[in-house]
PDB file of N, CA and C in Angstrom:
ATOM      1  N   MET A   1      14.924 -19.655   5.582  1.00  0.00           N
ATOM      2  CA  MET A   1      14.936 -18.528   4.683  1.00  0.00           C
ATOM      3  C   MET A   1      16.305 -17.852   4.764  1.00  0.00           C
ATOM      4  N   ASP A   2      16.754 -17.392   3.660  1.00  0.00           N
ATOM      5  CA  ASP A   2      18.065 -16.766   3.531  1.00  0.00           C
ATOM      6  C   ASP A   2      18.147 -15.468   4.349  1.00  0.00           C
ATOM      7  N   LYS A   3      19.305 -15.209   4.980  1.00  0.00           N
ATOM      8  CA  LYS A   3      19.499 -13.979   5.758  1.00  0.00           C
ATOM      9  C   LYS A   3      19.360 -12.741   4.883  1.00  0.00           C
ATOM     10  N   TRP A   4      19.816 -12.841   3.623  1.00  0.00           N
ATOM     11  CA  TRP A   4      19.726 -11.701   2.715  1.00  0.00           C
ATOM     12  C   TRP A   4      18.266 -11.335   2.456  1.00  0.00           C
ATOM     13  N   ILE A   5      17.420 -12.338   2.250  1.00  0.00           N
ATOM     14  CA  ILE A   5      15.994 -12.094   2.003  1.00  0.00           C
ATOM     15  C   ILE A   5      15.346 -11.454   3.223  1.00  0.00           C
ATOM     16  N   LEU A   6      15.661 -11.968   4.405  1.00  0.00           N
ATOM     17  CA  LEU A   6      15.100 -11.393   5.627  1.00  0.00           C
ATOM     18  C   LEU A   6      15.569  -9.958   5.847  1.00  0.00           C
ATOM     19  N   SER A   7      16.834  -9.694   5.561  1.00  0.00           N
ATOM     20  CA  SER A   7      17.330  -8.326   5.746  1.00  0.00           C
ATOM     21  C   SER A   7      16.668  -7.380   4.753  1.00  0.00           C
ATOM     22  N   MET A   8      16.419  -7.832   3.522  1.00  0.00           N
ATOM     23  CA  MET A   8      15.725  -6.990   2.548  1.00  0.00           C
ATOM     24  C   MET A   8      14.274  -6.759   2.956  1.00  0.00           C
ATOM     25  N   LEU A   9      13.651  -7.767   3.570  1.00  0.00           N
ATOM     26  CA  LEU A   9      12.287  -7.600   4.072  1.00  0.00           C
ATOM     27  C   LEU A   9      12.260  -6.530   5.160  1.00  0.00           C
ATOM     28  N   VAL A  10      13.226  -6.574   6.050  1.00  0.00           N
ATOM     29  CA  VAL A  10      13.298  -5.567   7.122  1.00  0.00           C
ATOM     30  C   VAL A  10      13.480  -4.169   6.533  1.00  0.00           C
ATOM     31  N   VAL A  11      14.368  -4.043   5.542  1.00  0.00           N
ATOM     32  CA  VAL A  11      14.580  -2.749   4.889  1.00  0.00           C
ATOM     33  C   VAL A  11      13.275  -2.254   4.262  1.00  0.00           C
ATOM     34  N   CYS A  12      12.571  -3.137   3.565  1.00  0.00           N
ATOM     35  CA  CYS A  12      11.307  -2.760   2.934  1.00  0.00           C
ATOM     36  C   CYS A  12      10.251  -2.370   3.961  1.00  0.00           C
ATOM     37  N   LEU A  13      10.214  -3.081   5.093  1.00  0.00           N
ATOM     38  CA  LEU A  13       9.253  -2.733   6.145  1.00  0.00           C
ATOM     39  C   LEU A  13       9.567  -1.376   6.757  1.00  0.00           C
ATOM     40  N   VAL A  14      10.851  -1.070   6.923  1.00  0.00           N
ATOM     41  CA  VAL A  14      11.234   0.249   7.449  1.00  0.00           C
ATOM     42  C   VAL A  14      10.830   1.338   6.462  1.00  0.00           C
ATOM     43  N   ILE A  15      11.094   1.103   5.184  1.00  0.00           N
ATOM     44  CA  ILE A  15      10.713   2.089   4.168  1.00  0.00           C
ATOM     45  C   ILE A  15       9.200   2.279   4.158  1.00  0.00           C
ATOM     46  N   ALA A  16       8.455   1.181   4.156  1.00  0.00           N
ATOM     47  CA  ALA A  16       6.993   1.263   4.110  1.00  0.00           C
ATOM     48  C   ALA A  16       6.413   1.881   5.376  1.00  0.00           C
ATOM     49  N   GLY A  17       6.965   1.531   6.516  1.00  0.00           N
ATOM     50  CA  GLY A  17       6.404   2.009   7.781  1.00  0.00           C
ATOM     51  C   GLY A  17       6.865   3.387   8.184  1.00  0.00           C
ATOM     52  N   PHE A  18       8.125   3.713   7.945  1.00  0.00           N
ATOM     53  CA  PHE A  18       8.667   4.995   8.403  1.00  0.00           C
ATOM     54  C   PHE A  18       8.551   6.085   7.351  1.00  0.00           C
ATOM     55  N   PHE A  19       9.009   5.795   6.145  1.00  0.00           N
ATOM     56  CA  PHE A  19       9.026   6.839   5.126  1.00  0.00           C
ATOM     57  C   PHE A  19       7.638   7.184   4.609  1.00  0.00           C
ATOM     58  N   SER A  20       6.669   6.306   4.815  1.00  0.00           N
ATOM     59  CA  SER A  20       5.299   6.642   4.414  1.00  0.00           C
ATOM     60  C   SER A  20       4.750   7.797   5.250  1.00  0.00           C
ATOM     61  N   LEU A  21       5.354   8.030   6.408  1.00  0.00           N
ATOM     62  CA  LEU A  21       4.928   9.164   7.245  1.00  0.00           C
ATOM     63  C   LEU A  21       5.194  10.494   6.553  1.00  0.00           C
ATOM     64  N   PHE A  22       6.114  10.492   5.588  1.00  0.00           N
ATOM     65  CA  PHE A  22       6.483  11.720   4.897  1.00  0.00           C
ATOM     66  C   PHE A  22       5.821  11.837   3.526  1.00  0.00           C
ATOM     67  N   ALA A  23       4.882  10.951   3.217  1.00  0.00           N
ATOM     68  CA  ALA A  23       4.197  10.986   1.924  1.00  0.00           C
ATOM     69  C   ALA A  23       3.341  12.246   1.826  1.00  0.00           C
ATOM     70  N   SER A  24       3.195  12.721   0.637  1.00  0.00           N
ATOM     71  CA  SER A  24       2.414  13.938   0.398  1.00  0.00           C
ATOM     72  C   SER A  24       0.924  13.672   0.631  1.00  0.00           C
ATOM     73  N   PRO A  25       0.250  14.578   1.312  1.00  0.00           N
ATOM     74  CA  PRO A  25      -1.194  14.425   1.495  1.00  0.00           C
ATOM     75  C   PRO A  25      -1.980  14.889   0.264  1.00  0.00           C
ATOM     76  N   GLU A  26      -1.288  15.459  -0.718  1.00  0.00           N
ATOM     77  CA  GLU A  26      -1.938  15.935  -1.932  1.00  0.00           C
ATOM     78  C   GLU A  26      -2.429  14.755  -2.765  1.00  0.00           C
ATOM     79  N   PRO A  27      -3.474  14.950  -3.582  1.00  0.00           N
ATOM     80  CA  PRO A  27      -3.976  13.847  -4.410  1.00  0.00           C
ATOM     81  C   PRO A  27      -2.956  13.427  -5.463  1.00  0.00           C
ATOM     82  N   ASP A  28      -3.041  12.169  -5.883  1.00  0.00           N
ATOM     83  CA  ASP A  28      -2.145  11.687  -6.940  1.00  0.00           C
ATOM     84  C   ASP A  28      -2.564  12.304  -8.276  1.00  0.00           C
ATOM     85  N   GLY A  29      -1.808  12.022  -9.326  1.00  0.00           N
ATOM     86  CA  GLY A  29      -2.032  12.660 -10.618  1.00  0.00           C
ATOM     87  C   GLY A  29      -3.422  12.453 -11.180  1.00  0.00           C
ATOM     88  N   LEU A  30      -3.911  11.213 -11.177  1.00  0.00           N
ATOM     89  CA  LEU A  30      -5.228  10.928 -11.734  1.00  0.00           C
ATOM     90  C   LEU A  30      -6.326  11.609 -10.927  1.00  0.00           C
ATOM     91  N   GLU A  31      -6.205  11.555  -9.626  1.00  0.00           N
ATOM     92  CA  GLU A  31      -7.202  12.188  -8.766  1.00  0.00           C
ATOM     93  C   GLU A  31      -7.187  13.702  -8.944  1.00  0.00           C
ATOM     94  N   LYS A  32      -6.004  14.287  -9.129  1.00  0.00           N
ATOM     95  CA  LYS A  32      -5.873  15.727  -9.327  1.00  0.00           C
ATOM     96  C   LYS A  32      -6.535  16.167 -10.633  1.00  0.00           C
ATOM     97  N   VAL A  33      -6.331  15.392 -11.701  1.00  0.00           N
ATOM     98  CA  VAL A  33      -6.960  15.714 -12.987  1.00  0.00           C
ATOM     99  C   VAL A  33      -8.482  15.636 -12.859  1.00  0.00           C
ATOM    100  N   ALA A  34      -8.988  14.587 -12.200  1.00  0.00           N
ATOM    101  CA  ALA A  34     -10.431  14.441 -12.007  1.00  0.00           C
ATOM    102  C   ALA A  34     -10.981  15.597 -11.186  1.00  0.00           C
ATOM    103  N   GLU A  35     -10.220  16.025 -10.200  1.00  0.00           N
ATOM    104  CA  GLU A  35     -10.622  17.156  -9.367  1.00  0.00           C
ATOM    105  C   GLU A  35     -10.639  18.448 -10.180  1.00  0.00           C
ATOM    106  N   ASP A  36      -9.593  18.676 -10.975  1.00  0.00           N
ATOM    107  CA  ASP A  36      -9.482  19.891 -11.780  1.00  0.00           C
ATOM    108  C   ASP A  36     -10.575  19.999 -12.834  1.00  0.00           C
ATOM    109  N   HIS A  37     -10.976  18.853 -13.390  1.00  0.00           N
ATOM    110  CA  HIS A  37     -11.986  18.863 -14.455  1.00  0.00           C
ATOM    111  C   HIS A  37     -13.399  18.612 -13.942  1.00  0.00           C
ATOM    112  N   GLY A  38     -13.551  18.505 -12.624  1.00  0.00           N
ATOM    113  CA  GLY A  38     -14.876  18.443 -12.019  1.00  0.00           C
ATOM    114  C   GLY A  38     -15.614  17.126 -12.125  1.00  0.00           C
ATOM    115  N   PHE A  39     -14.918  16.012 -12.345  1.00  0.00           N
ATOM    116  CA  PHE A  39     -15.639  14.741 -12.392  1.00  0.00           C
ATOM    117  C   PHE A  39     -15.198  13.766 -11.300  1.00  0.00           C
ATOM    118  N   LEU A  40     -14.521  14.268 -10.287  1.00  0.00           N
ATOM    119  CA  LEU A  40     -14.088  13.409  -9.184  1.00  0.00           C
ATOM    120  C   LEU A  40     -15.289  12.798  -8.456  1.00  0.00           C
ATOM    121  N   GLU A  41     -16.307  13.599  -8.222  1.00  0.00           N
ATOM    122  CA  GLU A  41     -17.484  13.136  -7.479  1.00  0.00           C
ATOM    123  C   GLU A  41     -18.261  12.071  -8.250  1.00  0.00           C
ATOM    124  N   ALA A  42     -18.157  12.080  -9.578  1.00  0.00           N
ATOM    125  CA  ALA A  42     -18.908  11.117 -10.394  1.00  0.00           C
ATOM    126  C   ALA A  42     -18.454   9.681 -10.129  1.00  0.00           C
ATOM    127  N   GLY A  43     -17.203   9.498  -9.740  1.00  0.00           N
ATOM    128  CA  GLY A  43     -16.693   8.154  -9.489  1.00  0.00           C
ATOM    129  C   GLY A  43     -16.842   7.694  -8.059  1.00  0.00           C
ATOM    130  N   GLU A  44     -17.181   8.598  -7.169  1.00  0.00           N
ATOM    131  CA  GLU A  44     -17.326   8.237  -5.755  1.00  0.00           C
ATOM    132  C   GLU A  44     -18.517   7.304  -5.562  1.00  0.00           C
ATOM    133  N   GLY A  45     -18.305   6.219  -4.849  1.00  0.00           N
ATOM    134  CA  GLY A  45     -19.378   5.273  -4.553  1.00  0.00           C
ATOM    135  C   GLY A  45     -19.639   4.269  -5.656  1.00  0.00           C
ATOM    136  N   HIS A  46     -18.839   4.300  -6.742  1.00  0.00           N
ATOM    137  CA  HIS A  46     -19.020   3.369  -7.853  1.00  0.00           C
ATOM    138  C   HIS A  46     -17.761   2.539  -8.063  1.00  0.00           C
ATOM    139  N   GLU A  47     -17.142   2.095  -6.987  1.00  0.00           N
ATOM    140  CA  GLU A  47     -15.907   1.331  -7.075  1.00  0.00           C
ATOM    141  C   GLU A  47     -16.167  -0.027  -7.717  1.00  0.00           C
ATOM    142  N   ALA A  48     -15.222  -0.456  -8.548  1.00  0.00           N
ATOM    143  CA  ALA A  48     -15.352  -1.759  -9.203  1.00  0.00           C
ATOM    144  C   ALA A  48     -15.207  -2.886  -8.178  1.00  0.00           C
ATOM    145  N   ILE A  49     -14.294  -2.714  -7.221  1.00  0.00           N
ATOM    146  CA  ILE A  49     -14.122  -3.677  -6.135  1.00  0.00           C
ATOM    147  C   ILE A  49     -13.994  -2.905  -4.830  1.00  0.00           C
ATOM    148  N   GLU A  50     -14.311  -3.539  -3.745  1.00  0.00           N
ATOM    149  CA  GLU A  50     -14.218  -2.925  -2.421  1.00  0.00           C
ATOM    150  C   GLU A  50     -12.807  -3.131  -1.885  1.00  0.00           C
ATOM    151  N   SER A  51     -12.125  -2.061  -1.565  1.00  0.00           N
ATOM    152  CA  SER A  51     -10.750  -2.149  -1.078  1.00  0.00           C
ATOM    153  C   SER A  51     -10.725  -2.364   0.436  1.00  0.00           C
ATOM    154  N   PRO A  52      -9.869  -3.265   0.918  1.00  0.00           N
ATOM    155  CA  PRO A  52      -9.755  -3.436   2.368  1.00  0.00           C
ATOM    156  C   PRO A  52      -9.068  -2.236   3.035  1.00  0.00           C
ATOM    157  N   MET A  53      -8.264  -1.484   2.259  1.00  0.00           N
ATOM    158  CA  MET A  53      -7.580  -0.308   2.787  1.00  0.00           C
ATOM    159  C   MET A  53      -7.735   0.866   1.816  1.00  0.00           C
ATOM    160  N   PRO A  54      -8.940   1.462   1.782  1.00  0.00           N
ATOM    161  CA  PRO A  54      -9.156   2.567   0.849  1.00  0.00           C
ATOM    162  C   PRO A  54      -8.274   3.765   1.195  1.00  0.00           C
ATOM    163  N   ASP A  55      -7.805   4.462   0.168  1.00  0.00           N
ATOM    164  CA  ASP A  55      -6.948   5.642   0.325  1.00  0.00           C
ATOM    165  C   ASP A  55      -5.654   5.343   1.072  1.00  0.00           C
ATOM    166  N   TYR A  56      -5.190   4.100   0.998  1.00  0.00           N
ATOM    167  CA  TYR A  56      -3.896   3.690   1.570  1.00  0.00           C
ATOM    168  C   TYR A  56      -3.811   3.909   3.081  1.00  0.00           C
ATOM    169  N   VAL A  57      -4.913   3.698   3.782  1.00  0.00           N
ATOM    170  CA  VAL A  57      -4.922   3.768   5.246  1.00  0.00           C
ATOM    171  C   VAL A  57      -5.714   2.583   5.788  1.00  0.00           C
ATOM    172  N   VAL A  58      -5.363   2.162   7.001  1.00  0.00           N
ATOM    173  CA  VAL A  58      -6.100   1.086   7.660  1.00  0.00           C
ATOM    174  C   VAL A  58      -7.350   1.704   8.283  1.00  0.00           C
ATOM    175  N   PRO A  59      -8.542   1.237   7.887  1.00  0.00           N
ATOM    176  CA  PRO A  59      -9.772   1.803   8.428  1.00  0.00           C
ATOM    177  C   PRO A  59      -9.889   1.583   9.935  1.00  0.00           C
ATOM    178  N   GLY A  60     -10.514   2.521  10.598  1.00  0.00           N
ATOM    179  CA  GLY A  60     -10.764   2.403  12.027  1.00  0.00           C
ATOM    180  C   GLY A  60      -9.674   2.980  12.906  1.00  0.00           C
ATOM    181  N   ILE A  61      -8.580   3.436  12.322  1.00  0.00           N
ATOM    182  CA  ILE A  61      -7.505   4.038  13.110  1.00  0.00           C
ATOM    183  C   ILE A  61      -7.580   5.548  12.920  1.00  0.00           C
ATOM    184  N   GLU A  62      -7.789   6.254  14.017  1.00  0.00           N
ATOM    185  CA  GLU A  62      -7.994   7.702  13.964  1.00  0.00           C
ATOM    186  C   GLU A  62      -6.751   8.465  13.511  1.00  0.00           C
ATOM    187  N   ASN A  63      -5.589   8.044  13.974  1.00  0.00           N
ATOM    188  CA  ASN A  63      -4.341   8.717  13.620  1.00  0.00           C
ATOM    189  C   ASN A  63      -4.004   8.371  12.168  1.00  0.00           C
ATOM    190  N   GLU A  64      -4.141   9.361  11.259  1.00  0.00           N
ATOM    191  CA  GLU A  64      -3.972   9.094   9.835  1.00  0.00           C
ATOM    192  C   GLU A  64      -2.544   8.686   9.487  1.00  0.00           C
ATOM    193  N   ALA A  65      -1.557   9.253  10.165  1.00  0.00           N
ATOM    194  CA  ALA A  65      -0.164   8.889   9.907  1.00  0.00           C
ATOM    195  C   ALA A  65       0.085   7.429  10.280  1.00  0.00           C
ATOM    196  N   LEU A  66      -0.406   7.009  11.430  1.00  0.00           N
ATOM    197  CA  LEU A  66      -0.260   5.623  11.858  1.00  0.00           C
ATOM    198  C   LEU A  66      -1.030   4.681  10.936  1.00  0.00           C
ATOM    199  N   ALA A  67      -2.236   5.083  10.530  1.00  0.00           N
ATOM    200  CA  ALA A  67      -3.050   4.253   9.643  1.00  0.00           C
ATOM    201  C   ALA A  67      -2.363   4.065   8.292  1.00  0.00           C
ATOM    202  N   GLY A  68      -1.725   5.108   7.781  1.00  0.00           N
ATOM    203  CA  GLY A  68      -0.993   5.001   6.517  1.00  0.00           C
ATOM    204  C   GLY A  68       0.251   4.152   6.650  1.00  0.00           C
ATOM    205  N   SER A  69       0.942   4.302   7.767  1.00  0.00           N
ATOM    206  CA  SER A  69       2.143   3.516   8.023  1.00  0.00           C
ATOM    207  C   SER A  69       1.805   2.025   8.130  1.00  0.00           C
ATOM    208  N   LEU A  70       0.751   1.707   8.835  1.00  0.00           N
ATOM    209  CA  LEU A  70       0.325   0.305   8.974  1.00  0.00           C
ATOM    210  C   LEU A  70      -0.132  -0.280   7.637  1.00  0.00           C
ATOM    211  N   ALA A  71      -0.779   0.548   6.816  1.00  0.00           N
ATOM    212  CA  ALA A  71      -1.195   0.079   5.489  1.00  0.00           C
ATOM    213  C   ALA A  71       0.030  -0.247   4.639  1.00  0.00           C
ATOM    214  N   GLY A  72       1.066   0.576   4.734  1.00  0.00           N
ATOM    215  CA  GLY A  72       2.302   0.307   3.997  1.00  0.00           C
ATOM    216  C   GLY A  72       2.968  -0.977   4.451  1.00  0.00           C
ATOM    217  N   ILE A  73       2.986  -1.192   5.754  1.00  0.00           N
ATOM    218  CA  ILE A  73       3.573  -2.418   6.303  1.00  0.00           C
ATOM    219  C   ILE A  73       2.758  -3.635   5.875  1.00  0.00           C
ATOM    220  N   ALA A  74       1.433  -3.536   5.945  1.00  0.00           N
ATOM    221  CA  ALA A  74       0.571  -4.655   5.548  1.00  0.00           C
ATOM    222  C   ALA A  74       0.746  -4.978   4.068  1.00  0.00           C
ATOM    223  N   GLY A  75       0.817  -3.955   3.235  1.00  0.00           N
ATOM    224  CA  GLY A  75       1.020  -4.177   1.804  1.00  0.00           C
ATOM    225  C   GLY A  75       2.359  -4.819   1.506  1.00  0.00           C
ATOM    226  N   THR A  76       3.388  -4.403   2.235  1.00  0.00           N
ATOM    227  CA  THR A  76       4.721  -4.974   2.046  1.00  0.00           C
ATOM    228  C   THR A  76       4.739  -6.445   2.441  1.00  0.00           C
ATOM    229  N   VAL A  77       4.140  -6.767   3.561  1.00  0.00           N
ATOM    230  CA  VAL A  77       4.092  -8.163   4.016  1.00  0.00           C
ATOM    231  C   VAL A  77       3.293  -9.017   3.031  1.00  0.00           C
ATOM    232  N   LEU A  78       2.172  -8.487   2.541  1.00  0.00           N
ATOM    233  CA  LEU A  78       1.359  -9.220   1.572  1.00  0.00           C
ATOM    234  C   LEU A  78       2.132  -9.494   0.290  1.00  0.00           C
ATOM    235  N   MET A  79       2.769  -8.474  -0.254  1.00  0.00           N
ATOM    236  CA  MET A  79       3.518  -8.644  -1.498  1.00  0.00           C
ATOM    237  C   MET A  79       4.728  -9.561  -1.298  1.00  0.00           C
ATOM    238  N   PHE A  80       5.362  -9.487  -0.139  1.00  0.00           N
ATOM    239  CA  PHE A  80       6.476 -10.386   0.165  1.00  0.00           C
ATOM    240  C   PHE A  80       5.989 -11.827   0.164  1.00  0.00           C
ATOM    241  N   GLY A  81       4.838 -12.058   0.783  1.00  0.00           N
ATOM    242  CA  GLY A  81       4.268 -13.401   0.815  1.00  0.00           C
ATOM    243  C   GLY A  81       3.953 -13.925  -0.576  1.00  0.00           C
ATOM    244  N   PHE A  82       3.347 -13.078  -1.423  1.00  0.00           N
ATOM    245  CA  PHE A  82       3.052 -13.482  -2.801  1.00  0.00           C
ATOM    246  C   PHE A  82       4.335 -13.784  -3.572  1.00  0.00           C
ATOM    247  N   ALA A  83       5.323 -12.912  -3.443  1.00  0.00           N
ATOM    248  CA  ALA A  83       6.581 -13.107  -4.175  1.00  0.00           C
ATOM    249  C   ALA A  83       7.297 -14.363  -3.695  1.00  0.00           C
ATOM    250  N   LEU A  84       7.293 -14.602  -2.403  1.00  0.00           N
ATOM    251  CA  LEU A  84       7.932 -15.803  -1.850  1.00  0.00           C
ATOM    252  C   LEU A  84       7.231 -17.068  -2.341  1.00  0.00           C
ATOM    253  N   ALA A  85       5.900 -17.051  -2.326  1.00  0.00           N
ATOM    254  CA  ALA A  85       5.136 -18.213  -2.804  1.00  0.00           C
ATOM    255  C   ALA A  85       5.383 -18.453  -4.298  1.00  0.00           C
ATOM    256  N   ALA A  86       5.390 -17.385  -5.070  1.00  0.00           N
ATOM    257  CA  ALA A  86       5.643 -17.529  -6.516  1.00  0.00           C
ATOM    258  C   ALA A  86       7.055 -18.029  -6.773  1.00  0.00           C
ATOM    259  N   GLY A  87       8.014 -17.505  -6.049  1.00  0.00           N
ATOM    260  CA  GLY A  87       9.389 -17.948  -6.194  1.00  0.00           C
ATOM    261  C   GLY A  87       9.557 -19.408  -5.849  1.00  0.00           C
ATOM    262  N   ASN A  88       8.937 -19.834  -4.772  1.00  0.00           N
ATOM    263  CA  ASN A  88       9.015 -21.242  -4.380  1.00  0.00           C
ATOM    264  C   ASN A  88       8.332 -22.157  -5.384  1.00  0.00           C
ATOM    265  N   ALA A  89       7.196 -21.696  -5.922  1.00  0.00           N
ATOM    266  CA  ALA A  89       6.489 -22.497  -6.928  1.00  0.00           C
ATOM    267  C   ALA A  89       7.319 -22.629  -8.194  1.00  0.00           C
ATOM    268  N   LEU A  90       7.970 -21.563  -8.605  1.00  0.00           N
ATOM    269  CA  LEU A  90       8.807 -21.612  -9.811  1.00  0.00           C
ATOM    270  C   LEU A  90      10.088 -22.421  -9.580  1.00  0.00           C
ATOM    271  N   LYS A  91      10.598 -22.364  -8.358  1.00  0.00           N
ATOM    272  CA  LYS A  91      11.807 -23.120  -8.042  1.00  0.00           C
ATOM    273  C   LYS A  91      11.564 -24.619  -8.107  1.00  0.00           C
ATOM    274  N   GLU A  92      10.385 -25.041  -7.733  1.00  0.00           N
ATOM    275  CA  GLU A  92      10.030 -26.464  -7.758  1.00  0.00           C
ATOM    276  C   GLU A  92       9.913 -27.003  -9.170  1.00  0.00           C
ATOM    277  N   ARG A  93       9.621 -26.127 -10.136  1.00  0.00           N
ATOM    278  CA  ARG A  93       9.491 -26.556 -11.540  1.00  0.00           C
ATOM    279  C   ARG A  93      10.852 -26.898 -12.014  1.00  0.00           C
TER     280      ARG A  93
END
């Protein structure tokens, strides 16, 4: 694997793992609108799919900052893997 790709992966992991600690605990725009208009509770428990990391945290970890940081790192590694696989598949064509 190219050194440039690995260095960009490291940069992305630092951003996902470290800077996620400074993310706002406030709800995102859609959640805020649902909260303001009183229909947030109507969607609770009716998820279309079950998320492995609901609310952008790793379940089972008590420290919310650490759980969010690990979720960011896991998401970055997953997306890197998908992008690498897609790139390799397209390169072979």
